[in-house]
Protein backbone atom coordinates (compact mmCIF):
# COMPACT_ATOMS: atom_id res chain seq x y z
CA UNK A 1 8.46 -6.16 -19.17
CA UNK A 2 6.56 -9.35 -20.00
CA UNK A 3 8.19 -12.24 -21.78
CA UNK A 4 7.49 -11.96 -25.52
CA UNK A 5 5.06 -14.58 -26.80
CA UNK A 6 3.55 -15.22 -30.23
CA UNK A 7 0.03 -13.87 -30.47
CA UNK A 8 0.63 -11.11 -27.92
CA UNK A 9 1.58 -7.54 -28.59
CA UNK A 10 5.39 -7.27 -28.66
CA UNK A 11 7.92 -4.63 -29.51
CA UNK A 12 7.45 -3.88 -33.21
CA UNK A 13 4.17 -5.76 -33.66
CA UNK A 14 0.67 -5.19 -32.38
CA UNK A 15 -0.38 -8.63 -33.59
CA UNK A 16 2.46 -10.55 -31.99
CA UNK A 17 3.57 -12.35 -35.11
CA UNK A 18 5.80 -15.24 -34.06
CA UNK A 19 8.90 -13.83 -35.80
CA UNK A 20 8.37 -10.47 -34.11
CA UNK A 21 7.99 -12.13 -30.71
CA UNK A 22 11.22 -14.06 -31.31
CA UNK A 23 13.08 -10.93 -32.43
CA UNK A 24 11.81 -9.07 -29.37
CA UNK A 25 13.04 -11.88 -27.11
CA UNK A 26 16.43 -12.25 -28.79
CA UNK A 27 16.84 -8.49 -29.09
CA UNK A 28 16.81 -8.06 -25.34
CA UNK A 29 20.19 -7.21 -23.91
CA UNK A 30 22.30 -10.31 -23.23
CA UNK A 31 19.74 -12.86 -24.50
CA UNK A 32 21.81 -13.98 -27.48
CA UNK A 33 25.01 -13.95 -25.46
CA UNK A 34 23.43 -16.23 -22.87
CA UNK A 35 22.32 -18.67 -25.57
CA UNK A 36 25.78 -18.59 -27.11
CA UNK A 37 27.43 -19.39 -23.77
CA UNK A 38 25.02 -22.29 -23.15
CA UNK A 39 25.49 -23.88 -26.56
CA UNK A 40 28.01 -26.50 -25.38
CA UNK A 41 26.27 -27.71 -22.23
CA UNK A 42 25.17 -26.79 -18.72
CA UNK A 43 26.69 -23.72 -17.09
CA UNK A 44 26.15 -22.68 -13.46
CA UNK A 45 24.67 -19.24 -12.80
CA UNK A 46 27.89 -17.70 -11.45
CA UNK A 47 29.99 -19.16 -14.29
CA UNK A 48 27.47 -17.89 -16.81
CA UNK A 49 27.59 -14.45 -15.22
CA UNK A 50 31.40 -14.44 -15.49
CA UNK A 51 31.29 -15.57 -19.14
CA UNK A 52 28.91 -12.72 -19.91
CA UNK A 53 31.31 -10.00 -18.86
CA UNK A 54 30.01 -10.03 -15.28
CA UNK A 55 26.52 -8.77 -16.12
CA UNK A 56 24.42 -7.95 -13.13
CA UNK A 57 22.79 -10.95 -11.44
CA UNK A 58 19.36 -9.34 -11.68
CA UNK A 59 19.62 -8.95 -15.48
CA UNK A 60 20.97 -12.48 -15.88
CA UNK A 61 18.15 -13.85 -13.73
CA UNK A 62 15.55 -11.92 -15.76
CA UNK A 63 16.91 -13.16 -19.10
CA UNK A 64 17.15 -16.74 -17.85
CA UNK A 65 13.56 -16.50 -16.60
CA UNK A 66 12.39 -15.28 -20.03
CA UNK A 67 14.36 -17.96 -21.86
CA UNK A 68 13.01 -20.63 -19.51
CA UNK A 69 9.42 -19.39 -19.91
CA UNK A 70 9.72 -19.74 -23.67
CA UNK A 71 11.14 -23.26 -23.46
CA UNK A 72 14.55 -22.35 -24.89
CA UNK A 73 16.55 -22.85 -21.69
CA UNK A 74 16.09 -25.17 -18.73
CA UNK A 75 17.71 -25.54 -15.34
CA UNK A 76 19.60 -28.84 -15.64
CA UNK A 77 19.60 -31.46 -12.90
CA UNK A 78 23.26 -30.64 -12.25
CA UNK A 79 22.23 -27.11 -11.26
CA UNK A 80 23.51 -25.49 -14.42
CA UNK A 81 21.46 -23.93 -17.17
CA UNK A 82 21.35 -25.53 -20.60
CA UNK A 83 19.48 -25.11 -23.86
CA UNK A 84 16.56 -27.41 -24.59
CA UNK A 85 16.00 -29.27 -27.86
CA UNK A 86 14.08 -26.19 -29.01
CA UNK A 87 17.00 -24.01 -27.97
CA UNK A 88 19.40 -26.18 -29.97
CA UNK A 89 17.07 -25.90 -32.94
CA UNK A 90 17.12 -22.12 -32.57
CA UNK A 91 20.92 -22.10 -32.37
CA UNK A 92 21.11 -24.20 -35.55
CA UNK A 93 18.81 -21.69 -37.22
CA UNK A 94 21.15 -18.89 -36.20
CA UNK A 95 24.25 -20.69 -37.56
CA UNK A 96 23.95 -19.10 -41.04
CA UNK A 97 24.02 -15.66 -39.39
CA UNK A 98 27.17 -16.66 -37.52
CA UNK A 99 28.73 -17.82 -40.81
CA UNK A 100 27.81 -14.53 -42.47
CA UNK A 101 29.20 -12.52 -39.55
CA UNK A 102 32.51 -14.40 -39.74
CA UNK A 103 32.84 -13.67 -43.46
CA UNK A 104 31.97 -10.03 -42.78
CA UNK A 105 34.66 -9.86 -40.12
CA UNK A 106 37.20 -11.33 -42.51
CA UNK A 107 36.25 -8.79 -45.21
CA UNK A 108 36.56 -5.96 -42.72
CA UNK A 109 39.99 -7.16 -41.62
CA UNK A 110 41.15 -7.51 -45.22
CA UNK A 111 40.01 -3.96 -46.02
CA UNK A 112 41.99 -2.54 -43.09
CA UNK A 113 45.26 -4.02 -44.36
């Protein structure tokens, strides 16, 4: 499966609208989890794999390749993977969704009591 790119046909869009390309990329299994784990700084491949519930190395490698090809993740000089400035911008854009999810979780917990 090719790395989603704006302007190319992607899952859910024949025209490759940028938002659809992004949703295709982030909707791939483990992509968001990888970004989440990299949010605080460089993480080595094996540590990242362990943080992601021991996902298979081939899937982790594929997702990292896709995220690197889109300029969201880079292999740091230290040997660990880290988010780029664009990746940090994306994570900041996702912060309101994280806030909403936390409030949702709190509502769900309150309803169970």
